[in-house]
Amino acid sequence: MIKKVGCAGFRVDLAIIDEHNPGKYIVGIECDGKIYSSSKVARDRDRLREQVLTGLGWNLYHLWSTDWYRNRDLAREKLISAIEEIKAKSIINELESMEIKKNSF
């Protein structure tokens, strides 16, 4: 896991490294901390940032401090579940991509 990945105003708070593809990330985790609250307008914070980051290929997960504070175990379970789901989709997409390339030759 790496903190504050990205550039300019488009960073994720935490990034989970893809163990099978060094240099790539499985998921970017956004929290409602300093980066989130530094946006002057809610639209920038909630819509445009996500649009730009997903356009750059990020899979995003939002981890809210109130959820973590109120029920840390449930928040952790949801986070782990989301990471595992994104990992599985990533593997399926990679296999499908390999199959398409294989069939195109």
PDB file of N, CA and C in Angstrom:
ATOM      1  N   MET A   1       0.847  -1.166   0.000  1.00  0.00           N
ATOM      2  CA  MET A   1       0.000   0.000   0.000  1.00  0.00           C
ATOM      3  C   MET A   1       0.898   1.237   0.000  1.00  0.00           C
ATOM      4  N   ILE A   2       0.502   2.218  -0.783  1.00  0.00           N
ATOM      5  CA  ILE A   2       1.245   3.468  -0.879  1.00  0.00           C
ATOM      6  C   ILE A   2       0.296   4.624  -0.594  1.00  0.00           C
ATOM      7  N   LYS A   3       0.802   5.659   0.048  1.00  0.00           N
ATOM      8  CA  LYS A   3      -0.016   6.831   0.369  1.00  0.00           C
ATOM      9  C   LYS A   3       0.152   7.906  -0.692  1.00  0.00           C
ATOM     10  N   LYS A   4      -0.916   8.657  -0.934  1.00  0.00           N
ATOM     11  CA  LYS A   4      -0.921   9.841  -1.802  1.00  0.00           C
ATOM     12  C   LYS A   4      -0.317   9.577  -3.178  1.00  0.00           C
ATOM     13  N   VAL A   5      -0.995   8.773  -3.965  1.00  0.00           N
ATOM     14  CA  VAL A   5      -0.524   8.418  -5.305  1.00  0.00           C
ATOM     15  C   VAL A   5      -1.266   9.261  -6.333  1.00  0.00           C
ATOM     16  N   GLY A   6      -0.548   9.785  -7.291  1.00  0.00           N
ATOM     17  CA  GLY A   6      -1.141  10.574  -8.357  1.00  0.00           C
ATOM     18  C   GLY A   6      -0.365  11.865  -8.542  1.00  0.00           C
ATOM     19  N   CYS A   7      -0.981  12.793  -9.246  1.00  0.00           N
ATOM     20  CA  CYS A   7      -0.318  14.073  -9.456  1.00  0.00           C
ATOM     21  C   CYS A   7      -1.334  15.201  -9.429  1.00  0.00           C
ATOM     22  N   ALA A   8      -0.831  16.395  -9.223  1.00  0.00           N
ATOM     23  CA  ALA A   8      -1.633  17.613  -9.150  1.00  0.00           C
ATOM     24  C   ALA A   8      -2.756  17.433  -8.130  1.00  0.00           C
ATOM     25  N   GLY A   9      -3.973  17.801  -8.490  1.00  0.00           N
ATOM     26  CA  GLY A   9      -5.104  17.688  -7.573  1.00  0.00           C
ATOM     27  C   GLY A   9      -5.803  16.354  -7.680  1.00  0.00           C
ATOM     28  N   PHE A  10      -5.197  15.419  -8.381  1.00  0.00           N
ATOM     29  CA  PHE A  10      -5.847  14.138  -8.622  1.00  0.00           C
ATOM     30  C   PHE A  10      -5.028  13.004  -8.018  1.00  0.00           C
ATOM     31  N   ARG A  11      -5.013  12.985  -6.718  1.00  0.00           N
ATOM     32  CA  ARG A  11      -4.317  11.936  -5.971  1.00  0.00           C
ATOM     33  C   ARG A  11      -5.345  11.106  -5.210  1.00  0.00           C
ATOM     34  N   VAL A  12      -4.997   9.854  -4.988  1.00  0.00           N
ATOM     35  CA  VAL A  12      -5.802   9.023  -4.096  1.00  0.00           C
ATOM     36  C   VAL A  12      -5.053   8.953  -2.771  1.00  0.00           C
ATOM     37  N   ASP A  13      -5.788   8.799  -1.685  1.00  0.00           N
ATOM     38  CA  ASP A  13      -5.161   8.790  -0.361  1.00  0.00           C
ATOM     39  C   ASP A  13      -4.301   7.553  -0.148  1.00  0.00           C
ATOM     40  N   LEU A  14      -4.809   6.414  -0.570  1.00  0.00           N
ATOM     41  CA  LEU A  14      -4.089   5.135  -0.440  1.00  0.00           C
ATOM     42  C   LEU A  14      -4.244   4.362  -1.739  1.00  0.00           C
ATOM     43  N   ALA A  15      -3.217   3.608  -2.102  1.00  0.00           N
ATOM     44  CA  ALA A  15      -3.302   2.781  -3.299  1.00  0.00           C
ATOM     45  C   ALA A  15      -2.803   1.377  -2.973  1.00  0.00           C
ATOM     46  N   ILE A  16      -3.555   0.391  -3.409  1.00  0.00           N
ATOM     47  CA  ILE A  16      -3.176  -1.002  -3.192  1.00  0.00           C
ATOM     48  C   ILE A  16      -2.425  -1.479  -4.432  1.00  0.00           C
ATOM     49  N   ILE A  17      -1.193  -1.927  -4.238  1.00  0.00           N
ATOM     50  CA  ILE A  17      -0.336  -2.367  -5.342  1.00  0.00           C
ATOM     51  C   ILE A  17      -0.806  -3.724  -5.859  1.00  0.00           C
ATOM     52  N   ASP A  18      -0.765  -3.889  -7.177  1.00  0.00           N
ATOM     53  CA  ASP A  18      -1.092  -5.163  -7.823  1.00  0.00           C
ATOM     54  C   ASP A  18       0.147  -6.053  -7.758  1.00  0.00           C
ATOM     55  N   GLU A  19       0.074  -7.088  -6.955  1.00  0.00           N
ATOM     56  CA  GLU A  19       1.237  -7.960  -6.748  1.00  0.00           C
ATOM     57  C   GLU A  19       1.643  -8.715  -8.012  1.00  0.00           C
ATOM     58  N   HIS A  20       0.722  -8.856  -8.972  1.00  0.00           N
ATOM     59  CA  HIS A  20       1.029  -9.583 -10.210  1.00  0.00           C
ATOM     60  C   HIS A  20       1.516  -8.663 -11.325  1.00  0.00           C
ATOM     61  N   ASN A  21       1.300  -7.378 -11.184  1.00  0.00           N
ATOM     62  CA  ASN A  21       1.715  -6.393 -12.187  1.00  0.00           C
ATOM     63  C   ASN A  21       2.426  -5.237 -11.488  1.00  0.00           C
ATOM     64  N   PRO A  22       3.708  -5.395 -11.230  1.00  0.00           N
ATOM     65  CA  PRO A  22       4.440  -4.322 -10.541  1.00  0.00           C
ATOM     66  C   PRO A  22       4.288  -2.986 -11.277  1.00  0.00           C
ATOM     67  N   GLY A  23       4.127  -1.935 -10.513  1.00  0.00           N
ATOM     68  CA  GLY A  23       3.952  -0.612 -11.098  1.00  0.00           C
ATOM     69  C   GLY A  23       2.498  -0.264 -11.361  1.00  0.00           C
ATOM     70  N   LYS A  24       1.593  -1.204 -11.131  1.00  0.00           N
ATOM     71  CA  LYS A  24       0.165  -0.953 -11.301  1.00  0.00           C
ATOM     72  C   LYS A  24      -0.530  -1.098  -9.955  1.00  0.00           C
ATOM     73  N   TYR A  25      -1.710  -0.513  -9.901  1.00  0.00           N
ATOM     74  CA  TYR A  25      -2.474  -0.537  -8.656  1.00  0.00           C
ATOM     75  C   TYR A  25      -3.819  -1.217  -8.877  1.00  0.00           C
ATOM     76  N   ILE A  26      -4.266  -1.948  -7.860  1.00  0.00           N
ATOM     77  CA  ILE A  26      -5.559  -2.628  -7.930  1.00  0.00           C
ATOM     78  C   ILE A  26      -6.680  -1.632  -7.680  1.00  0.00           C
ATOM     79  N   VAL A  27      -6.506  -0.831  -6.643  1.00  0.00           N
ATOM     80  CA  VAL A  27      -7.572   0.094  -6.239  1.00  0.00           C
ATOM     81  C   VAL A  27      -6.970   1.336  -5.573  1.00  0.00           C
ATOM     82  N   GLY A  28      -7.631   2.449  -5.803  1.00  0.00           N
ATOM     83  CA  GLY A  28      -7.287   3.680  -5.110  1.00  0.00           C
ATOM     84  C   GLY A  28      -8.352   3.921  -4.054  1.00  0.00           C
ATOM     85  N   ILE A  29      -7.921   4.162  -2.843  1.00  0.00           N
ATOM     86  CA  ILE A  29      -8.848   4.381  -1.736  1.00  0.00           C
ATOM     87  C   ILE A  29      -8.884   5.868  -1.421  1.00  0.00           C
ATOM     88  N   GLU A  30     -10.080   6.429  -1.487  1.00  0.00           N
ATOM     89  CA  GLU A  30     -10.265   7.832  -1.153  1.00  0.00           C
ATOM     90  C   GLU A  30     -10.922   7.931   0.214  1.00  0.00           C
ATOM     91  N   CYS A  31     -10.364   8.790   1.033  1.00  0.00           N
ATOM     92  CA  CYS A  31     -10.910   9.040   2.365  1.00  0.00           C
ATOM     93  C   CYS A  31     -11.436  10.473   2.407  1.00  0.00           C
ATOM     94  N   ASP A  32     -12.157  10.795   3.434  1.00  0.00           N
ATOM     95  CA  ASP A  32     -12.683  12.159   3.545  1.00  0.00           C
ATOM     96  C   ASP A  32     -11.782  13.003   4.437  1.00  0.00           C
ATOM     97  N   GLY A  33     -10.494  12.965   4.114  1.00  0.00           N
ATOM     98  CA  GLY A  33      -9.504  13.724   4.871  1.00  0.00           C
ATOM     99  C   GLY A  33      -9.138  15.012   4.166  1.00  0.00           C
ATOM    100  N   LYS A  34      -7.863  15.373   4.261  1.00  0.00           N
ATOM    101  CA  LYS A  34      -7.375  16.663   3.781  1.00  0.00           C
ATOM    102  C   LYS A  34      -7.591  16.856   2.281  1.00  0.00           C
ATOM    103  N   ILE A  35      -7.265  15.859   1.467  1.00  0.00           N
ATOM    104  CA  ILE A  35      -7.427  15.998   0.015  1.00  0.00           C
ATOM    105  C   ILE A  35      -8.905  16.200  -0.329  1.00  0.00           C
ATOM    106  N   TYR A  36      -9.757  15.411   0.289  1.00  0.00           N
ATOM    107  CA  TYR A  36     -11.195  15.480   0.029  1.00  0.00           C
ATOM    108  C   TYR A  36     -11.751  16.847   0.408  1.00  0.00           C
ATOM    109  N   SER A  37     -11.387  17.311   1.583  1.00  0.00           N
ATOM    110  CA  SER A  37     -11.969  18.564   2.068  1.00  0.00           C
ATOM    111  C   SER A  37     -11.324  19.811   1.458  1.00  0.00           C
ATOM    112  N   SER A  38     -10.194  19.647   0.752  1.00  0.00           N
ATOM    113  CA  SER A  38      -9.522  20.817   0.170  1.00  0.00           C
ATOM    114  C   SER A  38     -10.229  21.338  -1.082  1.00  0.00           C
ATOM    115  N   SER A  39     -11.121  20.551  -1.675  1.00  0.00           N
ATOM    116  CA  SER A  39     -11.871  21.022  -2.841  1.00  0.00           C
ATOM    117  C   SER A  39     -12.819  22.122  -2.413  1.00  0.00           C
ATOM    118  N   LYS A  40     -12.841  23.196  -3.178  1.00  0.00           N
ATOM    119  CA  LYS A  40     -13.667  24.350  -2.811  1.00  0.00           C
ATOM    120  C   LYS A  40     -15.147  24.118  -3.101  1.00  0.00           C
ATOM    121  N   VAL A  41     -15.428  23.272  -4.079  1.00  0.00           N
ATOM    122  CA  VAL A  41     -16.802  23.050  -4.507  1.00  0.00           C
ATOM    123  C   VAL A  41     -17.106  21.546  -4.431  1.00  0.00           C
ATOM    124  N   ALA A  42     -18.287  21.206  -3.932  1.00  0.00           N
ATOM    125  CA  ALA A  42     -18.674  19.801  -3.786  1.00  0.00           C
ATOM    126  C   ALA A  42     -18.632  19.065  -5.118  1.00  0.00           C
ATOM    127  N   ARG A  43     -18.995  19.741  -6.207  1.00  0.00           N
ATOM    128  CA  ARG A  43     -18.989  19.101  -7.520  1.00  0.00           C
ATOM    129  C   ARG A  43     -17.570  18.664  -7.878  1.00  0.00           C
ATOM    130  N   ASP A  44     -16.572  19.509  -7.621  1.00  0.00           N
ATOM    131  CA  ASP A  44     -15.179  19.146  -7.889  1.00  0.00           C
ATOM    132  C   ASP A  44     -14.780  17.935  -7.078  1.00  0.00           C
ATOM    133  N   ARG A  45     -15.166  17.942  -5.814  1.00  0.00           N
ATOM    134  CA  ARG A  45     -14.787  16.891  -4.890  1.00  0.00           C
ATOM    135  C   ARG A  45     -15.468  15.569  -5.224  1.00  0.00           C
ATOM    136  N   ASP A  46     -16.747  15.607  -5.516  1.00  0.00           N
ATOM    137  CA  ASP A  46     -17.520  14.380  -5.643  1.00  0.00           C
ATOM    138  C   ASP A  46     -17.680  13.871  -7.068  1.00  0.00           C
ATOM    139  N   ARG A  47     -17.628  14.743  -8.038  1.00  0.00           N
ATOM    140  CA  ARG A  47     -17.911  14.300  -9.402  1.00  0.00           C
ATOM    141  C   ARG A  47     -16.693  14.369 -10.312  1.00  0.00           C
ATOM    142  N   LEU A  48     -16.092  15.531 -10.406  1.00  0.00           N
ATOM    143  CA  LEU A  48     -14.997  15.721 -11.348  1.00  0.00           C
ATOM    144  C   LEU A  48     -13.763  14.902 -10.981  1.00  0.00           C
ATOM    145  N   ARG A  49     -13.399  14.886  -9.702  1.00  0.00           N
ATOM    146  CA  ARG A  49     -12.231  14.092  -9.275  1.00  0.00           C
ATOM    147  C   ARG A  49     -12.419  12.631  -9.653  1.00  0.00           C
ATOM    148  N   GLU A  50     -13.593  12.105  -9.335  1.00  0.00           N
ATOM    149  CA  GLU A  50     -13.850  10.700  -9.642  1.00  0.00           C
ATOM    150  C   GLU A  50     -13.832  10.454 -11.148  1.00  0.00           C
ATOM    151  N   GLN A  51     -14.406  11.366 -11.908  1.00  0.00           N
ATOM    152  CA  GLN A  51     -14.415  11.243 -13.362  1.00  0.00           C
ATOM    153  C   GLN A  51     -12.996  11.205 -13.920  1.00  0.00           C
ATOM    154  N   VAL A  52     -12.174  12.117 -13.455  1.00  0.00           N
ATOM    155  CA  VAL A  52     -10.791  12.174 -13.944  1.00  0.00           C
ATOM    156  C   VAL A  52     -10.030  10.913 -13.532  1.00  0.00           C
ATOM    157  N   LEU A  53     -10.144  10.532 -12.274  1.00  0.00           N
ATOM    158  CA  LEU A  53      -9.400   9.368 -11.788  1.00  0.00           C
ATOM    159  C   LEU A  53      -9.842   8.076 -12.473  1.00  0.00           C
ATOM    160  N   THR A  54     -11.137   7.871 -12.659  1.00  0.00           N
ATOM    161  CA  THR A  54     -11.586   6.661 -13.364  1.00  0.00           C
ATOM    162  C   THR A  54     -11.183   6.729 -14.830  1.00  0.00           C
ATOM    163  N   GLY A  55     -11.161   7.929 -15.398  1.00  0.00           N
ATOM    164  CA  GLY A  55     -10.687   8.093 -16.771  1.00  0.00           C
ATOM    165  C   GLY A  55      -9.217   7.739 -16.918  1.00  0.00           C
ATOM    166  N   LEU A  56      -8.466   7.886 -15.840  1.00  0.00           N
ATOM    167  CA  LEU A  56      -7.051   7.518 -15.840  1.00  0.00           C
ATOM    168  C   LEU A  56      -6.842   6.042 -15.508  1.00  0.00           C
ATOM    169  N   GLY A  57      -7.941   5.322 -15.330  1.00  0.00           N
ATOM    170  CA  GLY A  57      -7.853   3.880 -15.107  1.00  0.00           C
ATOM    171  C   GLY A  57      -7.941   3.429 -13.661  1.00  0.00           C
ATOM    172  N   TRP A  58      -8.219   4.328 -12.756  1.00  0.00           N
ATOM    173  CA  TRP A  58      -8.315   3.951 -11.346  1.00  0.00           C
ATOM    174  C   TRP A  58      -9.629   3.246 -11.047  1.00  0.00           C
ATOM    175  N   ASN A  59      -9.562   2.216 -10.232  1.00  0.00           N
ATOM    176  CA  ASN A  59     -10.725   1.631  -9.574  1.00  0.00           C
ATOM    177  C   ASN A  59     -10.753   2.294  -8.211  1.00  0.00           C
ATOM    178  N   LEU A  60     -11.847   2.947  -7.883  1.00  0.00           N
ATOM    179  CA  LEU A  60     -11.900   3.726  -6.651  1.00  0.00           C
ATOM    180  C   LEU A  60     -12.801   3.101  -5.603  1.00  0.00           C
ATOM    181  N   TYR A  61     -12.411   3.293  -4.365  1.00  0.00           N
ATOM    182  CA  TYR A  61     -13.230   2.897  -3.229  1.00  0.00           C
ATOM    183  C   TYR A  61     -13.221   4.060  -2.250  1.00  0.00           C
ATOM    184  N   HIS A  62     -14.389   4.446  -1.781  1.00  0.00           N
ATOM    185  CA  HIS A  62     -14.505   5.549  -0.820  1.00  0.00           C
ATOM    186  C   HIS A  62     -14.632   4.976   0.592  1.00  0.00           C
ATOM    187  N   LEU A  63     -13.744   5.376   1.448  1.00  0.00           N
ATOM    188  CA  LEU A  63     -13.746   4.943   2.839  1.00  0.00           C
ATOM    189  C   LEU A  63     -14.017   6.170   3.707  1.00  0.00           C
ATOM    190  N   TRP A  64     -15.203   6.215   4.292  1.00  0.00           N
ATOM    191  CA  TRP A  64     -15.622   7.382   5.059  1.00  0.00           C
ATOM    192  C   TRP A  64     -15.210   7.245   6.513  1.00  0.00           C
ATOM    193  N   SER A  65     -14.729   8.320   7.082  1.00  0.00           N
ATOM    194  CA  SER A  65     -14.250   8.296   8.466  1.00  0.00           C
ATOM    195  C   SER A  65     -15.364   7.953   9.453  1.00  0.00           C
ATOM    196  N   THR A  66     -16.582   8.399   9.171  1.00  0.00           N
ATOM    197  CA  THR A  66     -17.682   8.080  10.096  1.00  0.00           C
ATOM    198  C   THR A  66     -17.950   6.577  10.128  1.00  0.00           C
ATOM    199  N   ASP A  67     -17.872   5.915   8.974  1.00  0.00           N
ATOM    200  CA  ASP A  67     -18.054   4.458   8.936  1.00  0.00           C
ATOM    201  C   ASP A  67     -16.941   3.764   9.724  1.00  0.00           C
ATOM    202  N   TRP A  68     -15.711   4.242   9.526  1.00  0.00           N
ATOM    203  CA  TRP A  68     -14.553   3.651  10.208  1.00  0.00           C
ATOM    204  C   TRP A  68     -14.664   3.860  11.723  1.00  0.00           C
ATOM    205  N   TYR A  69     -15.118   5.029  12.115  1.00  0.00           N
ATOM    206  CA  TYR A  69     -15.232   5.352  13.539  1.00  0.00           C
ATOM    207  C   TYR A  69     -16.366   4.567  14.197  1.00  0.00           C
ATOM    208  N   ARG A  70     -17.513   4.506  13.527  1.00  0.00           N
ATOM    209  CA  ARG A  70     -18.695   3.870  14.128  1.00  0.00           C
ATOM    210  C   ARG A  70     -18.603   2.355  14.164  1.00  0.00           C
ATOM    211  N   ASN A  71     -18.075   1.750  13.090  1.00  0.00           N
ATOM    212  CA  ASN A  71     -18.011   0.292  13.037  1.00  0.00           C
ATOM    213  C   ASN A  71     -16.811  -0.121  12.188  1.00  0.00           C
ATOM    214  N   ARG A  72     -15.653  -0.062  12.794  1.00  0.00           N
ATOM    215  CA  ARG A  72     -14.391  -0.325  12.100  1.00  0.00           C
ATOM    216  C   ARG A  72     -14.347  -1.723  11.486  1.00  0.00           C
ATOM    217  N   ASP A  73     -14.842  -2.721  12.203  1.00  0.00           N
ATOM    218  CA  ASP A  73     -14.804  -4.091  11.689  1.00  0.00           C
ATOM    219  C   ASP A  73     -15.621  -4.234  10.409  1.00  0.00           C
ATOM    220  N   LEU A  74     -16.825  -3.663  10.389  1.00  0.00           N
ATOM    221  CA  LEU A  74     -17.665  -3.733   9.195  1.00  0.00           C
ATOM    222  C   LEU A  74     -17.031  -2.943   8.050  1.00  0.00           C
ATOM    223  N   ALA A  75     -16.497  -1.766   8.339  1.00  0.00           N
ATOM    224  CA  ALA A  75     -15.843  -0.951   7.308  1.00  0.00           C
ATOM    225  C   ALA A  75     -14.655  -1.700   6.719  1.00  0.00           C
ATOM    226  N   ARG A  76     -13.893  -2.371   7.568  1.00  0.00           N
ATOM    227  CA  ARG A  76     -12.735  -3.153   7.109  1.00  0.00           C
ATOM    228  C   ARG A  76     -13.190  -4.315   6.235  1.00  0.00           C
ATOM    229  N   GLU A  77     -14.239  -5.011   6.651  1.00  0.00           N
ATOM    230  CA  GLU A  77     -14.769  -6.130   5.860  1.00  0.00           C
ATOM    231  C   GLU A  77     -15.225  -5.666   4.481  1.00  0.00           C
ATOM    232  N   LYS A  78     -15.930  -4.536   4.421  1.00  0.00           N
ATOM    233  CA  LYS A  78     -16.399  -3.994   3.144  1.00  0.00           C
ATOM    234  C   LYS A  78     -15.226  -3.615   2.252  1.00  0.00           C
ATOM    235  N   LEU A  79     -14.202  -3.017   2.841  1.00  0.00           N
ATOM    236  CA  LEU A  79     -13.014  -2.623   2.086  1.00  0.00           C
ATOM    237  C   LEU A  79     -12.312  -3.847   1.508  1.00  0.00           C
ATOM    238  N   ILE A  80     -12.076  -4.837   2.332  1.00  0.00           N
ATOM    239  CA  ILE A  80     -11.411  -6.063   1.873  1.00  0.00           C
ATOM    240  C   ILE A  80     -12.233  -6.750   0.802  1.00  0.00           C
ATOM    241  N   SER A  81     -13.537  -6.812   0.992  1.00  0.00           N
ATOM    242  CA  SER A  81     -14.424  -7.417   0.004  1.00  0.00           C
ATOM    243  C   SER A  81     -14.346  -6.677  -1.336  1.00  0.00           C
ATOM    244  N   ALA A  82     -14.346  -5.345  -1.285  1.00  0.00           N
ATOM    245  CA  ALA A  82     -14.256  -4.544  -2.510  1.00  0.00           C
ATOM    246  C   ALA A  82     -12.928  -4.776  -3.215  1.00  0.00           C
ATOM    247  N   ILE A  83     -11.840  -4.846  -2.453  1.00  0.00           N
ATOM    248  CA  ILE A  83     -10.520  -5.090  -3.050  1.00  0.00           C
ATOM    249  C   ILE A  83     -10.493  -6.456  -3.721  1.00  0.00           C
ATOM    250  N   GLU A  84     -11.019  -7.475  -3.051  1.00  0.00           N
ATOM    251  CA  GLU A  84     -11.043  -8.826  -3.627  1.00  0.00           C
ATOM    252  C   GLU A  84     -11.898  -8.867  -4.895  1.00  0.00           C
ATOM    253  N   GLU A  85     -13.022  -8.170  -4.885  1.00  0.00           N
ATOM    254  CA  GLU A  85     -13.895  -8.123  -6.059  1.00  0.00           C
ATOM    255  C   GLU A  85     -13.196  -7.442  -7.239  1.00  0.00           C
ATOM    256  N   ILE A  86     -12.526  -6.340  -6.967  1.00  0.00           N
ATOM    257  CA  ILE A  86     -11.800  -5.625  -8.018  1.00  0.00           C
ATOM    258  C   ILE A  86     -10.654  -6.477  -8.546  1.00  0.00           C
ATOM    259  N   LYS A  87      -9.960  -7.203  -7.658  1.00  0.00           N
ATOM    260  CA  LYS A  87      -8.883  -8.113  -8.078  1.00  0.00           C
ATOM    261  C   LYS A  87      -9.424  -9.170  -9.035  1.00  0.00           C
ATOM    262  N   ALA A  88     -10.557  -9.769  -8.662  1.00  0.00           N
ATOM    263  CA  ALA A  88     -11.156 -10.828  -9.488  1.00  0.00           C
ATOM    264  C   ALA A  88     -11.553 -10.280 -10.854  1.00  0.00           C
ATOM    265  N   LYS A  89     -12.178  -9.115 -10.893  1.00  0.00           N
ATOM    266  CA  LYS A  89     -12.563  -8.508 -12.169  1.00  0.00           C
ATOM    267  C   LYS A  89     -11.339  -8.199 -13.021  1.00  0.00           C
ATOM    268  N   SER A  90     -10.280  -7.748 -12.367  1.00  0.00           N
ATOM    269  CA  SER A  90      -9.042  -7.421 -13.071  1.00  0.00           C
ATOM    270  C   SER A  90      -8.447  -8.662 -13.723  1.00  0.00           C
ATOM    271  N   ILE A  91      -8.442  -9.771 -13.010  1.00  0.00           N
ATOM    272  CA  ILE A  91      -7.917 -11.029 -13.552  1.00  0.00           C
ATOM    273  C   ILE A  91      -8.769 -11.490 -14.726  1.00  0.00           C
ATOM    274  N   ILE A  92     -10.088 -11.407 -14.589  1.00  0.00           N
ATOM    275  CA  ILE A  92     -10.988 -11.805 -15.674  1.00  0.00           C
ATOM    276  C   ILE A  92     -10.753 -10.930 -16.899  1.00  0.00           C
ATOM    277  N   ASN A  93     -10.651  -9.616 -16.702  1.00  0.00           N
ATOM    278  CA  ASN A  93     -10.402  -8.705 -17.827  1.00  0.00           C
ATOM    279  C   ASN A  93      -9.071  -9.006 -18.506  1.00  0.00           C
ATOM    280  N   GLU A  94      -8.055  -9.316 -17.720  1.00  0.00           N
ATOM    281  CA  GLU A  94      -6.739  -9.633 -18.270  1.00  0.00           C
ATOM    282  C   GLU A  94      -6.795 -10.914 -19.093  1.00  0.00           C
ATOM    283  N   LEU A  95      -7.491 -11.936 -18.581  1.00  0.00           N
ATOM    284  CA  LEU A  95      -7.619 -13.200 -19.315  1.00  0.00           C
ATOM    285  C   LEU A  95      -8.405 -13.005 -20.604  1.00  0.00           C
ATOM    286  N   GLU A  96      -9.474 -12.224 -20.544  1.00  0.00           N
ATOM    287  CA  GLU A  96     -10.259 -11.948 -21.746  1.00  0.00           C
ATOM    288  C   GLU A  96      -9.431 -11.196 -22.777  1.00  0.00           C
ATOM    289  N   SER A  97      -8.631 -10.261 -22.321  1.00  0.00           N
ATOM    290  CA  SER A  97      -7.766  -9.501 -23.217  1.00  0.00           C
ATOM    291  C   SER A  97      -6.745 -10.414 -23.893  1.00  0.00           C
ATOM    292  N   MET A  98      -6.180 -11.328 -23.118  1.00  0.00           N
ATOM    293  CA  MET A  98      -5.209 -12.282 -23.677  1.00  0.00           C
ATOM    294  C   MET A  98      -5.881 -13.180 -24.706  1.00  0.00           C
ATOM    295  N   GLU A  99      -7.111 -13.595 -24.434  1.00  0.00           N
ATOM    296  CA  GLU A  99      -7.855 -14.463 -25.352  1.00  0.00           C
ATOM    297  C   GLU A  99      -8.156 -13.738 -26.652  1.00  0.00           C
ATOM    298  N   ILE A 100      -8.539 -12.475 -26.567  1.00  0.00           N
ATOM    299  CA  ILE A 100      -8.829 -11.678 -27.759  1.00  0.00           C
ATOM    300  C   ILE A 100      -7.564 -11.526 -28.604  1.00  0.00           C
ATOM    301  N   LYS A 101      -6.436 -11.226 -27.955  1.00  0.00           N
ATOM    302  CA  LYS A 101      -5.173 -11.090 -28.686  1.00  0.00           C
ATOM    303  C   LYS A 101      -4.790 -12.399 -29.342  1.00  0.00           C
ATOM    304  N   LYS A 102      -4.986 -13.488 -28.630  1.00  0.00           N
ATOM    305  CA  LYS A 102      -4.643 -14.819 -29.135  1.00  0.00           C
ATOM    306  C   LYS A 102      -5.471 -15.145 -30.375  1.00  0.00           C
ATOM    307  N   ASN A 103      -6.777 -14.825 -30.321  1.00  0.00           N
ATOM    308  CA  ASN A 103      -7.670 -15.128 -31.434  1.00  0.00           C
ATOM    309  C   ASN A 103      -7.501 -14.202 -32.610  1.00  0.00           C
ATOM    310  N   SER A 104      -6.879 -13.042 -32.405  1.00  0.00           N
ATOM    311  CA  SER A 104      -6.745 -12.093 -33.513  1.00  0.00           C
ATOM    312  C   SER A 104      -5.551 -12.416 -34.414  1.00  0.00           C
ATOM    313  N   PHE A 105      -4.716 -13.352 -33.990  1.00  0.00           N
ATOM    314  CA  PHE A 105      -3.562 -13.720 -34.820  1.00  0.00           C
ATOM    315  C   PHE A 105      -3.886 -14.866 -35.696  1.00  0.00           C
TER     316      PHE A 105
END
